[in-house]
Amino acid sequence: MSSEVPVPRTAVPLGLTDPVEKARAELKAALAAIEVKANVPRRIERASDDFVHRARAFAKSNPLGATAAVLAGAAAVGAIVWSIVRSYTR
């Protein structure tokens, strides 16, 4: 019984002897790596999901700190909007 280790999409499996199959596997791995790096919407989605997960865990463990962070963020956004409107109206 052989235990095959799964190969990631961006890697070329070992043991390919046929040059055509090896070239195809390398091309497939290169295209997969480009897709992983160049797919900005997916990267943003993963980063935002990670941030939401960490924020929820922080809010669950420290509700007072999470409330203070939300209030500080709202105050910062309000100050930025106020300064933009004030500089526009002058």
PDB file of N, CA and C in Angstrom:
ATOM      1  N   MET A   1       0.844  -1.162   0.000  1.00  0.00           N
ATOM      2  CA  MET A   1       0.000   0.000   0.000  1.00  0.00           C
ATOM      3  C   MET A   1       0.902   1.240   0.000  1.00  0.00           C
ATOM      4  N   SER A   2       0.742   2.102  -0.991  1.00  0.00           N
ATOM      5  CA  SER A   2       1.561   3.309  -1.074  1.00  0.00           C
ATOM      6  C   SER A   2       0.759   4.491  -0.546  1.00  0.00           C
ATOM      7  N   SER A   3       1.429   5.309   0.220  1.00  0.00           N
ATOM      8  CA  SER A   3       0.766   6.495   0.756  1.00  0.00           C
ATOM      9  C   SER A   3       1.225   7.706  -0.049  1.00  0.00           C
ATOM     10  N   GLU A   4       0.367   8.147  -0.965  1.00  0.00           N
ATOM     11  CA  GLU A   4       0.713   9.280  -1.797  1.00  0.00           C
ATOM     12  C   GLU A   4       0.400  10.570  -1.047  1.00  0.00           C
ATOM     13  N   VAL A   5       1.367  11.457  -1.060  1.00  0.00           N
ATOM     14  CA  VAL A   5       1.183  12.754  -0.437  1.00  0.00           C
ATOM     15  C   VAL A   5       0.554  13.674  -1.481  1.00  0.00           C
ATOM     16  N   PRO A   6      -0.532  14.360  -1.136  1.00  0.00           N
ATOM     17  CA  PRO A   6      -1.147  15.239  -2.131  1.00  0.00           C
ATOM     18  C   PRO A   6      -0.201  16.382  -2.508  1.00  0.00           C
ATOM     19  N   VAL A   7      -0.148  16.665  -3.793  1.00  0.00           N
ATOM     20  CA  VAL A   7       0.725  17.717  -4.308  1.00  0.00           C
ATOM     21  C   VAL A   7      -0.098  18.995  -4.434  1.00  0.00           C
ATOM     22  N   PRO A   8       0.410  20.129  -3.931  1.00  0.00           N
ATOM     23  CA  PRO A   8      -0.319  21.385  -4.091  1.00  0.00           C
ATOM     24  C   PRO A   8      -0.497  21.732  -5.571  1.00  0.00           C
ATOM     25  N   ARG A   9      -1.489  22.561  -5.835  1.00  0.00           N
ATOM     26  CA  ARG A   9      -1.755  22.947  -7.226  1.00  0.00           C
ATOM     27  C   ARG A   9      -0.578  23.662  -7.859  1.00  0.00           C
ATOM     28  N   THR A  10       0.212  24.356  -7.065  1.00  0.00           N
ATOM     29  CA  THR A  10       1.308  25.158  -7.608  1.00  0.00           C
ATOM     30  C   THR A  10       2.644  24.423  -7.596  1.00  0.00           C
ATOM     31  N   ALA A  11       2.630  23.099  -7.449  1.00  0.00           N
ATOM     32  CA  ALA A  11       3.869  22.318  -7.424  1.00  0.00           C
ATOM     33  C   ALA A  11       3.840  21.273  -8.534  1.00  0.00           C
ATOM     34  N   VAL A  12       5.004  20.866  -8.953  1.00  0.00           N
ATOM     35  CA  VAL A  12       5.138  19.822  -9.977  1.00  0.00           C
ATOM     36  C   VAL A  12       5.417  18.511  -9.259  1.00  0.00           C
ATOM     37  N   PRO A  13       4.625  17.474  -9.539  1.00  0.00           N
ATOM     38  CA  PRO A  13       4.870  16.191  -8.879  1.00  0.00           C
ATOM     39  C   PRO A  13       6.217  15.598  -9.272  1.00  0.00           C
ATOM     40  N   LEU A  14       6.834  14.916  -8.329  1.00  0.00           N
ATOM     41  CA  LEU A  14       8.119  14.261  -8.588  1.00  0.00           C
ATOM     42  C   LEU A  14       7.888  12.957  -9.336  1.00  0.00           C
ATOM     43  N   GLY A  15       8.909  12.515 -10.038  1.00  0.00           N
ATOM     44  CA  GLY A  15       8.841  11.212 -10.683  1.00  0.00           C
ATOM     45  C   GLY A  15       8.304  11.240 -12.095  1.00  0.00           C
ATOM     46  N   LEU A  16       8.090  12.394 -12.682  1.00  0.00           N
ATOM     47  CA  LEU A  16       7.640  12.448 -14.069  1.00  0.00           C
ATOM     48  C   LEU A  16       8.848  12.241 -14.975  1.00  0.00           C
ATOM     49  N   THR A  17       8.785  11.217 -15.816  1.00  0.00           N
ATOM     50  CA  THR A  17       9.914  10.926 -16.700  1.00  0.00           C
ATOM     51  C   THR A  17       9.655  11.394 -18.118  1.00  0.00           C
ATOM     52  N   ASP A  18       8.420  11.416 -18.527  1.00  0.00           N
ATOM     53  CA  ASP A  18       8.083  11.861 -19.873  1.00  0.00           C
ATOM     54  C   ASP A  18       8.246  13.373 -19.962  1.00  0.00           C
ATOM     55  N   PRO A  19       9.054  13.884 -20.895  1.00  0.00           N
ATOM     56  CA  PRO A  19       9.279  15.328 -20.960  1.00  0.00           C
ATOM     57  C   PRO A  19       8.022  16.119 -21.299  1.00  0.00           C
ATOM     58  N   VAL A  20       7.133  15.522 -22.076  1.00  0.00           N
ATOM     59  CA  VAL A  20       5.895  16.228 -22.418  1.00  0.00           C
ATOM     60  C   VAL A  20       5.007  16.353 -21.185  1.00  0.00           C
ATOM     61  N   GLU A  21       4.853  15.284 -20.456  1.00  0.00           N
ATOM     62  CA  GLU A  21       4.041  15.321 -19.239  1.00  0.00           C
ATOM     63  C   GLU A  21       4.654  16.262 -18.203  1.00  0.00           C
ATOM     64  N   LYS A  22       5.980  16.274 -18.106  1.00  0.00           N
ATOM     65  CA  LYS A  22       6.654  17.159 -17.165  1.00  0.00           C
ATOM     66  C   LYS A  22       6.436  18.617 -17.560  1.00  0.00           C
ATOM     67  N   ALA A  23       6.527  18.914 -18.858  1.00  0.00           N
ATOM     68  CA  ALA A  23       6.296  20.285 -19.325  1.00  0.00           C
ATOM     69  C   ALA A  23       4.856  20.708 -19.057  1.00  0.00           C
ATOM     70  N   ARG A  24       3.914  19.810 -19.295  1.00  0.00           N
ATOM     71  CA  ARG A  24       2.501  20.121 -19.014  1.00  0.00           C
ATOM     72  C   ARG A  24       2.280  20.378 -17.528  1.00  0.00           C
ATOM     73  N   ALA A  25       2.896  19.555 -16.684  1.00  0.00           N
ATOM     74  CA  ALA A  25       2.744  19.732 -15.237  1.00  0.00           C
ATOM     75  C   ALA A  25       3.369  21.050 -14.787  1.00  0.00           C
ATOM     76  N   GLU A  26       4.521  21.403 -15.361  1.00  0.00           N
ATOM     77  CA  GLU A  26       5.157  22.679 -15.013  1.00  0.00           C
ATOM     78  C   GLU A  26       4.309  23.857 -15.460  1.00  0.00           C
ATOM     79  N   LEU A  27       3.751  23.769 -16.665  1.00  0.00           N
ATOM     80  CA  LEU A  27       2.887  24.842 -17.154  1.00  0.00           C
ATOM     81  C   LEU A  27       1.639  24.969 -16.285  1.00  0.00           C
ATOM     82  N   LYS A  28       1.043  23.852 -15.937  1.00  0.00           N
ATOM     83  CA  LYS A  28      -0.148  23.863 -15.089  1.00  0.00           C
ATOM     84  C   LYS A  28       0.174  24.478 -13.724  1.00  0.00           C
ATOM     85  N   ALA A  29       1.312  24.121 -13.150  1.00  0.00           N
ATOM     86  CA  ALA A  29       1.705  24.665 -11.854  1.00  0.00           C
ATOM     87  C   ALA A  29       1.999  26.159 -11.954  1.00  0.00           C
ATOM     88  N   ALA A  30       2.644  26.579 -13.042  1.00  0.00           N
ATOM     89  CA  ALA A  30       2.949  28.001 -13.219  1.00  0.00           C
ATOM     90  C   ALA A  30       1.670  28.810 -13.380  1.00  0.00           C
ATOM     91  N   LEU A  31       0.734  28.315 -14.167  1.00  0.00           N
ATOM     92  CA  LEU A  31      -0.544  29.021 -14.340  1.00  0.00           C
ATOM     93  C   LEU A  31      -1.328  29.082 -13.037  1.00  0.00           C
ATOM     94  N   ALA A  32      -1.284  28.021 -12.258  1.00  0.00           N
ATOM     95  CA  ALA A  32      -1.974  28.028 -10.966  1.00  0.00           C
ATOM     96  C   ALA A  32      -1.334  29.040 -10.024  1.00  0.00           C
ATOM     97  N   ALA A  33       0.003  29.124 -10.035  1.00  0.00           N
ATOM     98  CA  ALA A  33       0.688  30.091  -9.175  1.00  0.00           C
ATOM     99  C   ALA A  33       0.372  31.516  -9.599  1.00  0.00           C
ATOM    100  N   ILE A  34       0.316  31.772 -10.905  1.00  0.00           N
ATOM    101  CA  ILE A  34      -0.047  33.107 -11.396  1.00  0.00           C
ATOM    102  C   ILE A  34      -1.468  33.443 -10.982  1.00  0.00           C
ATOM    103  N   GLU A  35      -2.368  32.474 -11.098  1.00  0.00           N
ATOM    104  CA  GLU A  35      -3.762  32.719 -10.731  1.00  0.00           C
ATOM    105  C   GLU A  35      -3.905  33.023  -9.245  1.00  0.00           C
ATOM    106  N   VAL A  36      -3.118  32.335  -8.423  1.00  0.00           N
ATOM    107  CA  VAL A  36      -3.183  32.572  -6.986  1.00  0.00           C
ATOM    108  C   VAL A  36      -2.689  33.977  -6.664  1.00  0.00           C
ATOM    109  N   LYS A  37      -1.600  34.401  -7.303  1.00  0.00           N
ATOM    110  CA  LYS A  37      -1.020  35.722  -7.022  1.00  0.00           C
ATOM    111  C   LYS A  37      -1.809  36.853  -7.666  1.00  0.00           C
ATOM    112  N   ALA A  38      -2.357  36.632  -8.839  1.00  0.00           N
ATOM    113  CA  ALA A  38      -2.987  37.720  -9.587  1.00  0.00           C
ATOM    114  C   ALA A  38      -4.474  37.887  -9.288  1.00  0.00           C
ATOM    115  N   ASN A  39      -5.075  36.953  -8.604  1.00  0.00           N
ATOM    116  CA  ASN A  39      -6.508  37.043  -8.333  1.00  0.00           C
ATOM    117  C   ASN A  39      -6.725  37.952  -7.123  1.00  0.00           C
ATOM    118  N   VAL A  40      -6.716  39.256  -7.373  1.00  0.00           N
ATOM    119  CA  VAL A  40      -6.819  40.249  -6.299  1.00  0.00           C
ATOM    120  C   VAL A  40      -8.160  40.169  -5.572  1.00  0.00           C
ATOM    121  N   PRO A  41      -9.287  40.031  -6.260  1.00  0.00           N
ATOM    122  CA  PRO A  41     -10.550  39.941  -5.512  1.00  0.00           C
ATOM    123  C   PRO A  41     -10.582  38.782  -4.516  1.00  0.00           C
ATOM    124  N   ARG A  42     -10.045  37.637  -4.897  1.00  0.00           N
ATOM    125  CA  ARG A  42     -10.019  36.493  -3.976  1.00  0.00           C
ATOM    126  C   ARG A  42      -9.094  36.769  -2.796  1.00  0.00           C
ATOM    127  N   ARG A  43      -7.951  37.415  -3.060  1.00  0.00           N
ATOM    128  CA  ARG A  43      -7.029  37.746  -1.972  1.00  0.00           C
ATOM    129  C   ARG A  43      -7.667  38.737  -1.015  1.00  0.00           C
ATOM    130  N   ILE A  44      -8.389  39.724  -1.548  1.00  0.00           N
ATOM    131  CA  ILE A  44      -9.072  40.702  -0.695  1.00  0.00           C
ATOM    132  C   ILE A  44     -10.157  40.012   0.120  1.00  0.00           C
ATOM    133  N   GLU A  45     -10.887  39.107  -0.515  1.00  0.00           N
ATOM    134  CA  GLU A  45     -11.941  38.380   0.201  1.00  0.00           C
ATOM    135  C   GLU A  45     -11.365  37.556   1.351  1.00  0.00           C
ATOM    136  N   ARG A  46     -10.253  36.876   1.094  1.00  0.00           N
ATOM    137  CA  ARG A  46      -9.633  36.074   2.158  1.00  0.00           C
ATOM    138  C   ARG A  46      -9.116  36.960   3.289  1.00  0.00           C
ATOM    139  N   ALA A  47      -8.512  38.099   2.929  1.00  0.00           N
ATOM    140  CA  ALA A  47      -7.992  39.004   3.956  1.00  0.00           C
ATOM    141  C   ALA A  47      -9.131  39.603   4.777  1.00  0.00           C
ATOM    142  N   SER A  48     -10.234  39.966   4.122  1.00  0.00           N
ATOM    143  CA  SER A  48     -11.352  40.542   4.879  1.00  0.00           C
ATOM    144  C   SER A  48     -12.019  39.485   5.756  1.00  0.00           C
ATOM    145  N   ASP A  49     -12.125  38.251   5.252  1.00  0.00           N
ATOM    146  CA  ASP A  49     -12.681  37.175   6.081  1.00  0.00           C
ATOM    147  C   ASP A  49     -11.807  36.924   7.308  1.00  0.00           C
ATOM    148  N   ASP A  50     -10.493  36.963   7.108  1.00  0.00           N
ATOM    149  CA  ASP A  50      -9.566  36.781   8.229  1.00  0.00           C
ATOM    150  C   ASP A  50      -9.714  37.920   9.236  1.00  0.00           C
ATOM    151  N   PHE A  51      -9.830  39.157   8.736  1.00  0.00           N
ATOM    152  CA  PHE A  51      -9.989  40.297   9.625  1.00  0.00           C
ATOM    153  C   PHE A  51     -11.297  40.208  10.415  1.00  0.00           C
ATOM    154  N   VAL A  52     -12.381  39.835   9.747  1.00  0.00           N
ATOM    155  CA  VAL A  52     -13.673  39.706  10.436  1.00  0.00           C
ATOM    156  C   VAL A  52     -13.589  38.625  11.506  1.00  0.00           C
ATOM    157  N   HIS A  53     -12.931  37.516  11.189  1.00  0.00           N
ATOM    158  CA  HIS A  53     -12.796  36.435  12.171  1.00  0.00           C
ATOM    159  C   HIS A  53     -12.020  36.907  13.400  1.00  0.00           C
ATOM    160  N   ARG A  54     -10.892  37.618  13.153  1.00  0.00           N
ATOM    161  CA  ARG A  54     -10.094  38.110  14.275  1.00  0.00           C
ATOM    162  C   ARG A  54     -10.853  39.177  15.065  1.00  0.00           C
ATOM    163  N   ALA A  55     -11.617  40.039  14.380  1.00  0.00           N
ATOM    164  CA  ALA A  55     -12.373  41.077  15.076  1.00  0.00           C
ATOM    165  C   ALA A  55     -13.472  40.467  15.944  1.00  0.00           C
ATOM    166  N   ARG A  56     -14.144  39.448  15.424  1.00  0.00           N
ATOM    167  CA  ARG A  56     -15.185  38.786  16.217  1.00  0.00           C
ATOM    168  C   ARG A  56     -14.590  38.074  17.432  1.00  0.00           C
ATOM    169  N   ALA A  57     -13.444  37.449  17.254  1.00  0.00           N
ATOM    170  CA  ALA A  57     -12.795  36.786  18.385  1.00  0.00           C
ATOM    171  C   ALA A  57     -12.371  37.822  19.425  1.00  0.00           C
ATOM    172  N   PHE A  58     -11.851  38.966  18.971  1.00  0.00           N
ATOM    173  CA  PHE A  58     -11.471  40.036  19.899  1.00  0.00           C
ATOM    174  C   PHE A  58     -12.695  40.588  20.616  1.00  0.00           C
ATOM    175  N   ALA A  59     -13.799  40.783  19.886  1.00  0.00           N
ATOM    176  CA  ALA A  59     -15.017  41.306  20.505  1.00  0.00           C
ATOM    177  C   ALA A  59     -15.589  40.320  21.522  1.00  0.00           C
ATOM    178  N   LYS A  60     -15.446  39.037  21.241  1.00  0.00           N
ATOM    179  CA  LYS A  60     -15.956  38.034  22.172  1.00  0.00           C
ATOM    180  C   LYS A  60     -15.107  37.979  23.437  1.00  0.00           C
ATOM    181  N   SER A  61     -13.789  38.128  23.285  1.00  0.00           N
ATOM    182  CA  SER A  61     -12.916  38.033  24.448  1.00  0.00           C
ATOM    183  C   SER A  61     -12.804  39.360  25.204  1.00  0.00           C
ATOM    184  N   ASN A  62     -13.007  40.486  24.526  1.00  0.00           N
ATOM    185  CA  ASN A  62     -12.848  41.792  25.154  1.00  0.00           C
ATOM    186  C   ASN A  62     -13.914  42.758  24.611  1.00  0.00           C
ATOM    187  N   PRO A  63     -15.154  42.663  25.103  1.00  0.00           N
ATOM    188  CA  PRO A  63     -16.219  43.507  24.548  1.00  0.00           C
ATOM    189  C   PRO A  63     -16.001  45.002  24.795  1.00  0.00           C
ATOM    190  N   LEU A  64     -15.432  45.355  25.941  1.00  0.00           N
ATOM    191  CA  LEU A  64     -15.200  46.767  26.223  1.00  0.00           C
ATOM    192  C   LEU A  64     -14.127  47.336  25.289  1.00  0.00           C
ATOM    193  N   GLY A  65     -13.087  46.595  25.048  1.00  0.00           N
ATOM    194  CA  GLY A  65     -12.046  47.032  24.121  1.00  0.00           C
ATOM    195  C   GLY A  65     -12.565  47.144  22.697  1.00  0.00           C
ATOM    196  N   ALA A  66     -13.434  46.215  22.295  1.00  0.00           N
ATOM    197  CA  ALA A  66     -14.015  46.274  20.951  1.00  0.00           C
ATOM    198  C   ALA A  66     -14.910  47.497  20.811  1.00  0.00           C
ATOM    199  N   THR A  67     -15.673  47.808  21.848  1.00  0.00           N
ATOM    200  CA  THR A  67     -16.529  49.005  21.816  1.00  0.00           C
ATOM    201  C   THR A  67     -15.673  50.255  21.721  1.00  0.00           C
ATOM    202  N   ALA A  68     -14.593  50.302  22.470  1.00  0.00           N
ATOM    203  CA  ALA A  68     -13.704  51.456  22.418  1.00  0.00           C
ATOM    204  C   ALA A  68     -13.056  51.584  21.038  1.00  0.00           C
ATOM    205  N   ALA A  69     -12.686  50.467  20.425  1.00  0.00           N
ATOM    206  CA  ALA A  69     -12.080  50.500  19.090  1.00  0.00           C
ATOM    207  C   ALA A  69     -13.075  51.005  18.053  1.00  0.00           C
ATOM    208  N   VAL A  70     -14.327  50.570  18.150  1.00  0.00           N
ATOM    209  CA  VAL A  70     -15.352  51.028  17.207  1.00  0.00           C
ATOM    210  C   VAL A  70     -15.596  52.519  17.381  1.00  0.00           C
ATOM    211  N   LEU A  71     -15.685  52.979  18.615  1.00  0.00           N
ATOM    212  CA  LEU A  71     -15.900  54.410  18.857  1.00  0.00           C
ATOM    213  C   LEU A  71     -14.715  55.244  18.370  1.00  0.00           C
ATOM    214  N   ALA A  72     -13.503  54.760  18.594  1.00  0.00           N
ATOM    215  CA  ALA A  72     -12.317  55.479  18.123  1.00  0.00           C
ATOM    216  C   ALA A  72     -12.286  55.524  16.597  1.00  0.00           C
ATOM    217  N   GLY A  73     -12.637  54.435  15.961  1.00  0.00           N
ATOM    218  CA  GLY A  73     -12.693  54.411  14.496  1.00  0.00           C
ATOM    219  C   GLY A  73     -13.743  55.359  13.950  1.00  0.00           C
ATOM    220  N   ALA A  74     -14.911  55.380  14.585  1.00  0.00           N
ATOM    221  CA  ALA A  74     -15.965  56.292  14.147  1.00  0.00           C
ATOM    222  C   ALA A  74     -15.550  57.742  14.344  1.00  0.00           C
ATOM    223  N   ALA A  75     -14.888  58.028  15.450  1.00  0.00           N
ATOM    224  CA  ALA A  75     -14.410  59.392  15.698  1.00  0.00           C
ATOM    225  C   ALA A  75     -13.359  59.790  14.665  1.00  0.00           C
ATOM    226  N   ALA A  76     -12.483  58.863  14.302  1.00  0.00           N
ATOM    227  CA  ALA A  76     -11.453  59.162  13.302  1.00  0.00           C
ATOM    228  C   ALA A  76     -12.079  59.427  11.935  1.00  0.00           C
ATOM    229  N   VAL A  77     -13.042  58.611  11.548  1.00  0.00           N
ATOM    230  CA  VAL A  77     -13.714  58.824  10.265  1.00  0.00           C
ATOM    231  C   VAL A  77     -14.468  60.149  10.286  1.00  0.00           C
ATOM    232  N   GLY A  78     -15.138  60.445  11.388  1.00  0.00           N
ATOM    233  CA  GLY A  78     -15.845  61.719  11.506  1.00  0.00           C
ATOM    234  C   GLY A  78     -14.902  62.905  11.412  1.00  0.00           C
ATOM    235  N   ALA A  79     -13.734  62.814  12.047  1.00  0.00           N
ATOM    236  CA  ALA A  79     -12.763  63.910  11.990  1.00  0.00           C
ATOM    237  C   ALA A  79     -12.222  64.086  10.573  1.00  0.00           C
ATOM    238  N   ILE A  80     -11.994  63.001   9.880  1.00  0.00           N
ATOM    239  CA  ILE A  80     -11.500  63.092   8.504  1.00  0.00           C
ATOM    240  C   ILE A  80     -12.544  63.731   7.603  1.00  0.00           C
ATOM    241  N   VAL A  81     -13.794  63.289   7.727  1.00  0.00           N
ATOM    242  CA  VAL A  81     -14.874  63.870   6.908  1.00  0.00           C
ATOM    243  C   VAL A  81     -15.052  65.342   7.246  1.00  0.00           C
ATOM    244  N   TRP A  82     -15.034  65.673   8.529  1.00  0.00           N
ATOM    245  CA  TRP A  82     -15.189  67.072   8.936  1.00  0.00           C
ATOM    246  C   TRP A  82     -14.068  67.937   8.362  1.00  0.00           C
ATOM    247  N   SER A  83     -12.823  67.437   8.412  1.00  0.00           N
ATOM    248  CA  SER A  83     -11.703  68.235   7.895  1.00  0.00           C
ATOM    249  C   SER A  83     -11.785  68.396   6.380  1.00  0.00           C
ATOM    250  N   ILE A  84     -12.244  67.372   5.672  1.00  0.00           N
ATOM    251  CA  ILE A  84     -12.404  67.478   4.216  1.00  0.00           C
ATOM    252  C   ILE A  84     -13.486  68.491   3.872  1.00  0.00           C
ATOM    253  N   VAL A  85     -14.616  68.425   4.564  1.00  0.00           N
ATOM    254  CA  VAL A  85     -15.706  69.363   4.287  1.00  0.00           C
ATOM    255  C   VAL A  85     -15.290  70.773   4.661  1.00  0.00           C
ATOM    256  N   ARG A  86     -14.595  70.922   5.757  1.00  0.00           N
ATOM    257  CA  ARG A  86     -14.161  72.262   6.175  1.00  0.00           C
ATOM    258  C   ARG A  86     -13.175  72.854   5.178  1.00  0.00           C
ATOM    259  N   SER A  87     -12.232  72.043   4.703  1.00  0.00           N
ATOM    260  CA  SER A  87     -11.263  72.576   3.746  1.00  0.00           C
ATOM    261  C   SER A  87     -11.940  72.862   2.392  1.00  0.00           C
ATOM    262  N   TYR A  88     -12.975  72.136   2.056  1.00  0.00           N
ATOM    263  CA  TYR A  88     -13.702  72.357   0.793  1.00  0.00           C
ATOM    264  C   TYR A  88     -14.515  73.646   0.858  1.00  0.00           C
ATOM    265  N   THR A  89     -15.118  73.922   2.020  1.00  0.00           N
ATOM    266  CA  THR A  89     -15.975  75.097   2.131  1.00  0.00           C
ATOM    267  C   THR A  89     -15.193  76.395   2.340  1.00  0.00           C
ATOM    268  N   ARG A  90     -13.930  76.330   2.610  1.00  0.00           N
ATOM    269  CA  ARG A  90     -13.134  77.563   2.799  1.00  0.00           C
ATOM    270  C   ARG A  90     -12.670  78.130   1.522  1.00  0.00           C
TER     271      ARG A  90
END
